[in-house]
């Protein structure tokens, strides 16, 4: 592989690679929300564990079992969402690296970059679908008493 660097090309490459960086910022915000929700799920499960170990809840009734089951499902979807979105962030980083290399290498990397971008969008989609499922389960199991 032969490397060719042009001064104008360097600034263009940096400008081109900035667009996916904004995508990374959005992914970071999504991860922040998702990890926050996962923390709440874990806190609730630990509360049940603590109540059981202290004897406050001696035996789980049907409602407790249903909520623990919902927490398990929510945790699974939350983990899927975090894994998908984290994978998307890594793929976007690789895409940025290849965008930069594509400008200085003689060998074109366009097809690889396009493939990685599509893979990144699929990963974000998987993360959003998993997040949707987690929120749906949480909404279905929410109990708001009537006044």
C-alpha atoms as a PDB file:
ATOM      1  CA  UNK A   1       0.000   0.000   0.000  1.00  0.00           C
ATOM      2  CA  UNK A   2       1.272   3.386  -0.937  1.00  0.00           C
ATOM      3  CA  UNK A   3       0.566   6.479   1.146  1.00  0.00           C
ATOM      4  CA  UNK A   4      -0.098   9.867  -0.438  1.00  0.00           C
ATOM      5  CA  UNK A   5      -0.639  12.955   1.740  1.00  0.00           C
ATOM      6  CA  UNK A   6      -1.797  16.318   0.398  1.00  0.00           C
ATOM      7  CA  UNK A   7      -2.034  19.335   2.756  1.00  0.00           C
ATOM      8  CA  UNK A   8      -5.523  20.318   1.553  1.00  0.00           C
ATOM      9  CA  UNK A   9      -6.601  16.694   1.769  1.00  0.00           C
ATOM     10  CA  UNK A  10      -5.726  16.503   5.464  1.00  0.00           C
ATOM     11  CA  UNK A  11      -8.111  19.308   6.398  1.00  0.00           C
ATOM     12  CA  UNK A  12     -10.832  17.812   4.182  1.00  0.00           C
ATOM     13  CA  UNK A  13     -10.370  14.411   5.806  1.00  0.00           C
ATOM     14  CA  UNK A  14     -10.661  15.893   9.280  1.00  0.00           C
ATOM     15  CA  UNK A  15     -13.828  17.768   8.276  1.00  0.00           C
ATOM     16  CA  UNK A  16     -15.280  14.592   6.759  1.00  0.00           C
ATOM     17  CA  UNK A  17     -14.548  12.578   9.883  1.00  0.00           C
ATOM     18  CA  UNK A  18     -16.286  15.125  12.138  1.00  0.00           C
ATOM     19  CA  UNK A  19     -19.770  14.098  10.978  1.00  0.00           C
ATOM     20  CA  UNK A  20     -19.545  10.588  12.479  1.00  0.00           C
ATOM     21  CA  UNK A  21     -18.119  12.110  15.659  1.00  0.00           C
ATOM     22  CA  UNK A  22     -21.463  13.873  16.190  1.00  0.00           C
ATOM     23  CA  UNK A  23     -23.075  10.459  15.824  1.00  0.00           C
ATOM     24  CA  UNK A  24     -20.757   9.243  18.604  1.00  0.00           C
ATOM     25  CA  UNK A  25     -21.989  12.064  20.845  1.00  0.00           C
ATOM     26  CA  UNK A  26     -25.577  10.920  20.285  1.00  0.00           C
ATOM     27  CA  UNK A  27     -24.599   7.319  20.964  1.00  0.00           C
ATOM     28  CA  UNK A  28     -22.940   8.426  24.180  1.00  0.00           C
ATOM     29  CA  UNK A  29     -26.138  10.135  25.286  1.00  0.00           C
ATOM     30  CA  UNK A  30     -28.155   7.012  24.476  1.00  0.00           C
ATOM     31  CA  UNK A  31     -25.724   4.916  26.525  1.00  0.00           C
ATOM     32  CA  UNK A  32     -26.089   7.342  29.408  1.00  0.00           C
ATOM     33  CA  UNK A  33     -29.873   6.902  29.429  1.00  0.00           C
ATOM     34  CA  UNK A  34     -29.667   3.133  28.992  1.00  0.00           C
ATOM     35  CA  UNK A  35     -27.145   2.610  31.781  1.00  0.00           C
ATOM     36  CA  UNK A  36     -29.242   4.832  34.043  1.00  0.00           C
ATOM     37  CA  UNK A  37     -32.271   2.655  33.441  1.00  0.00           C
ATOM     38  CA  UNK A  38     -30.228  -0.500  34.016  1.00  0.00           C
ATOM     39  CA  UNK A  39     -29.009   0.932  37.323  1.00  0.00           C
ATOM     40  CA  UNK A  40     -32.620   1.511  38.402  1.00  0.00           C
ATOM     41  CA  UNK A  41     -33.518  -2.081  37.495  1.00  0.00           C
ATOM     42  CA  UNK A  42     -30.567  -3.393  39.500  1.00  0.00           C
ATOM     43  CA  UNK A  43     -31.478  -1.179  42.457  1.00  0.00           C
ATOM     44  CA  UNK A  44     -35.039  -2.532  42.475  1.00  0.00           C
ATOM     45  CA  UNK A  45     -33.837  -6.149  42.275  1.00  0.00           C
ATOM     46  CA  UNK A  46     -31.387  -5.519  45.118  1.00  0.00           C
ATOM     47  CA  UNK A  47     -34.215  -3.993  47.176  1.00  0.00           C
ATOM     48  CA  UNK A  48     -36.157  -7.244  46.812  1.00  0.00           C
ATOM     49  CA  UNK A  49     -33.060  -9.235  47.747  1.00  0.00           C
ATOM     50  CA  UNK A  50     -32.468  -7.065  50.830  1.00  0.00           C
ATOM     51  CA  UNK A  51     -36.107  -7.285  51.941  1.00  0.00           C
ATOM     52  CA  UNK A  52     -35.978 -11.056  51.590  1.00  0.00           C
ATOM     53  CA  UNK A  53     -32.670 -11.427  53.453  1.00  0.00           C
ATOM     54  CA  UNK A  54     -33.885  -9.179  56.311  1.00  0.00           C
ATOM     55  CA  UNK A  55     -37.131 -11.089  56.646  1.00  0.00           C
ATOM     56  CA  UNK A  56     -39.319  -8.147  55.592  1.00  0.00           C
ATOM     57  CA  UNK A  57     -40.563 -10.315  52.747  1.00  0.00           C
ATOM     58  CA  UNK A  58     -40.451 -13.890  54.013  1.00  0.00           C
ATOM     59  CA  UNK A  59     -41.987 -15.479  50.960  1.00  0.00           C
ATOM     60  CA  UNK A  60     -42.546 -13.941  47.561  1.00  0.00           C
ATOM     61  CA  UNK A  61     -46.192 -13.761  46.567  1.00  0.00           C
ATOM     62  CA  UNK A  62     -47.547 -13.773  43.027  1.00  0.00           C
ATOM     63  CA  UNK A  63     -47.112 -10.002  42.606  1.00  0.00           C
ATOM     64  CA  UNK A  64     -43.486 -10.142  43.769  1.00  0.00           C
ATOM     65  CA  UNK A  65     -42.709 -13.007  41.411  1.00  0.00           C
ATOM     66  CA  UNK A  66     -44.338 -11.151  38.503  1.00  0.00           C
ATOM     67  CA  UNK A  67     -42.308  -8.020  39.216  1.00  0.00           C
ATOM     68  CA  UNK A  68     -39.056  -9.974  39.577  1.00  0.00           C
ATOM     69  CA  UNK A  69     -39.794 -11.690  36.266  1.00  0.00           C
ATOM     70  CA  UNK A  70     -40.400  -8.305  34.634  1.00  0.00           C
ATOM     71  CA  UNK A  71     -37.135  -6.999  36.122  1.00  0.00           C
ATOM     72  CA  UNK A  72     -35.268  -9.996  34.665  1.00  0.00           C
ATOM     73  CA  UNK A  73     -36.758  -9.371  31.224  1.00  0.00           C
ATOM     74  CA  UNK A  74     -36.067  -5.639  31.468  1.00  0.00           C
ATOM     75  CA  UNK A  75     -32.471  -6.315  32.493  1.00  0.00           C
ATOM     76  CA  UNK A  76     -31.972  -8.663  29.557  1.00  0.00           C
ATOM     77  CA  UNK A  77     -33.321  -6.125  27.042  1.00  0.00           C
ATOM     78  CA  UNK A  78     -31.394  -3.327  28.717  1.00  0.00           C
ATOM     79  CA  UNK A  79     -28.168  -5.329  28.398  1.00  0.00           C
ATOM     80  CA  UNK A  80     -28.956  -6.062  24.744  1.00  0.00           C
ATOM     81  CA  UNK A  81     -29.521  -2.358  24.114  1.00  0.00           C
ATOM     82  CA  UNK A  82     -26.266  -1.362  25.800  1.00  0.00           C
ATOM     83  CA  UNK A  83     -24.311  -4.043  23.934  1.00  0.00           C
ATOM     84  CA  UNK A  84     -25.786  -3.085  20.563  1.00  0.00           C
ATOM     85  CA  UNK A  85     -25.194   0.638  21.056  1.00  0.00           C
ATOM     86  CA  UNK A  86     -21.666   0.080  22.379  1.00  0.00           C
ATOM     87  CA  UNK A  87     -20.920  -2.061  19.324  1.00  0.00           C
ATOM     88  CA  UNK A  88     -22.304   0.746  17.152  1.00  0.00           C
ATOM     89  CA  UNK A  89     -19.933   3.223  18.821  1.00  0.00           C
ATOM     90  CA  UNK A  90     -16.957   0.962  18.134  1.00  0.00           C
ATOM     91  CA  UNK A  91     -18.053   0.515  14.521  1.00  0.00           C
ATOM     92  CA  UNK A  92     -18.419   4.284  14.079  1.00  0.00           C
ATOM     93  CA  UNK A  93     -14.901   4.748  15.484  1.00  0.00           C
ATOM     94  CA  UNK A  94     -13.568   2.206  12.989  1.00  0.00           C
ATOM     95  CA  UNK A  95     -15.465   3.996  10.229  1.00  0.00           C
ATOM     96  CA  UNK A  96     -13.801   7.297  11.150  1.00  0.00           C
ATOM     97  CA  UNK A  97     -10.372   5.647  11.132  1.00  0.00           C
ATOM     98  CA  UNK A  98     -11.017   4.094   7.726  1.00  0.00           C
ATOM     99  CA  UNK A  99     -12.345   7.406   6.374  1.00  0.00           C
ATOM    100  CA  UNK A 100      -9.035   8.986   7.291  1.00  0.00           C
ATOM    101  CA  UNK A 101      -7.027   6.121   5.815  1.00  0.00           C
ATOM    102  CA  UNK A 102      -9.171   6.175   2.674  1.00  0.00           C
ATOM    103  CA  UNK A 103      -7.963   9.691   1.954  1.00  0.00           C
ATOM    104  CA  UNK A 104      -4.275   8.886   2.252  1.00  0.00           C
ATOM    105  CA  UNK A 105      -4.099   5.364   0.831  1.00  0.00           C
ATOM    106  CA  UNK A 106      -4.063   4.628  -2.875  1.00  0.00           C
ATOM    107  CA  UNK A 107      -6.211   1.525  -2.313  1.00  0.00           C
ATOM    108  CA  UNK A 108      -9.890   2.590  -2.064  1.00  0.00           C
ATOM    109  CA  UNK A 109     -11.700   1.530   1.107  1.00  0.00           C
ATOM    110  CA  UNK A 110     -15.122   2.859   0.064  1.00  0.00           C
ATOM    111  CA  UNK A 111     -16.903  -0.511   0.147  1.00  0.00           C
ATOM    112  CA  UNK A 112     -15.521  -1.377   3.576  1.00  0.00           C
ATOM    113  CA  UNK A 113     -16.515   2.050   4.919  1.00  0.00           C
ATOM    114  CA  UNK A 114     -20.010   1.708   3.490  1.00  0.00           C
ATOM    115  CA  UNK A 115     -20.346  -1.790   4.950  1.00  0.00           C
ATOM    116  CA  UNK A 116     -19.205  -0.616   8.363  1.00  0.00           C
ATOM    117  CA  UNK A 117     -21.607   2.325   8.264  1.00  0.00           C
ATOM    118  CA  UNK A 118     -24.518   0.020   7.436  1.00  0.00           C
ATOM    119  CA  UNK A 119     -23.423  -2.373  10.191  1.00  0.00           C
ATOM    120  CA  UNK A 120     -23.273   0.546  12.628  1.00  0.00           C
ATOM    121  CA  UNK A 121     -26.789   1.642  11.701  1.00  0.00           C
ATOM    122  CA  UNK A 122     -28.025  -1.934  12.164  1.00  0.00           C
ATOM    123  CA  UNK A 123     -26.393  -2.023  15.605  1.00  0.00           C
ATOM    124  CA  UNK A 124     -28.039   1.275  16.571  1.00  0.00           C
ATOM    125  CA  UNK A 125     -31.366  -0.082  15.317  1.00  0.00           C
ATOM    126  CA  UNK A 126     -30.923  -3.236  17.404  1.00  0.00           C
ATOM    127  CA  UNK A 127     -30.121  -1.093  20.419  1.00  0.00           C
ATOM    128  CA  UNK A 128     -33.157   1.105  19.900  1.00  0.00           C
ATOM    129  CA  UNK A 129     -35.443  -1.908  19.447  1.00  0.00           C
ATOM    130  CA  UNK A 130     -34.082  -3.495  22.627  1.00  0.00           C
ATOM    131  CA  UNK A 131     -34.508  -0.199  24.463  1.00  0.00           C
ATOM    132  CA  UNK A 132     -38.090   0.010  23.174  1.00  0.00           C
ATOM    133  CA  UNK A 133     -38.782  -3.488  24.486  1.00  0.00           C
ATOM    134  CA  UNK A 134     -37.345  -2.611  27.916  1.00  0.00           C
ATOM    135  CA  UNK A 135     -39.442   0.549  28.158  1.00  0.00           C
ATOM    136  CA  UNK A 136     -42.531  -1.351  26.994  1.00  0.00           C
ATOM    137  CA  UNK A 137     -42.105  -3.972  29.705  1.00  0.00           C
ATOM    138  CA  UNK A 138     -41.585  -1.231  32.302  1.00  0.00           C
ATOM    139  CA  UNK A 139     -44.731   0.582  31.147  1.00  0.00           C
ATOM    140  CA  UNK A 140     -46.834  -2.567  31.216  1.00  0.00           C
ATOM    141  CA  UNK A 141     -45.776  -3.453  34.745  1.00  0.00           C
ATOM    142  CA  UNK A 142     -46.205   0.053  36.151  1.00  0.00           C
ATOM    143  CA  UNK A 143     -48.851   0.199  38.827  1.00  0.00           C
ATOM    144  CA  UNK A 144     -50.410   3.617  39.415  1.00  0.00           C
ATOM    145  CA  UNK A 145     -53.128   3.526  42.069  1.00  0.00           C
ATOM    146  CA  UNK A 146     -56.475   5.202  41.421  1.00  0.00           C
ATOM    147  CA  UNK A 147     -57.162   8.169  43.736  1.00  0.00           C
END
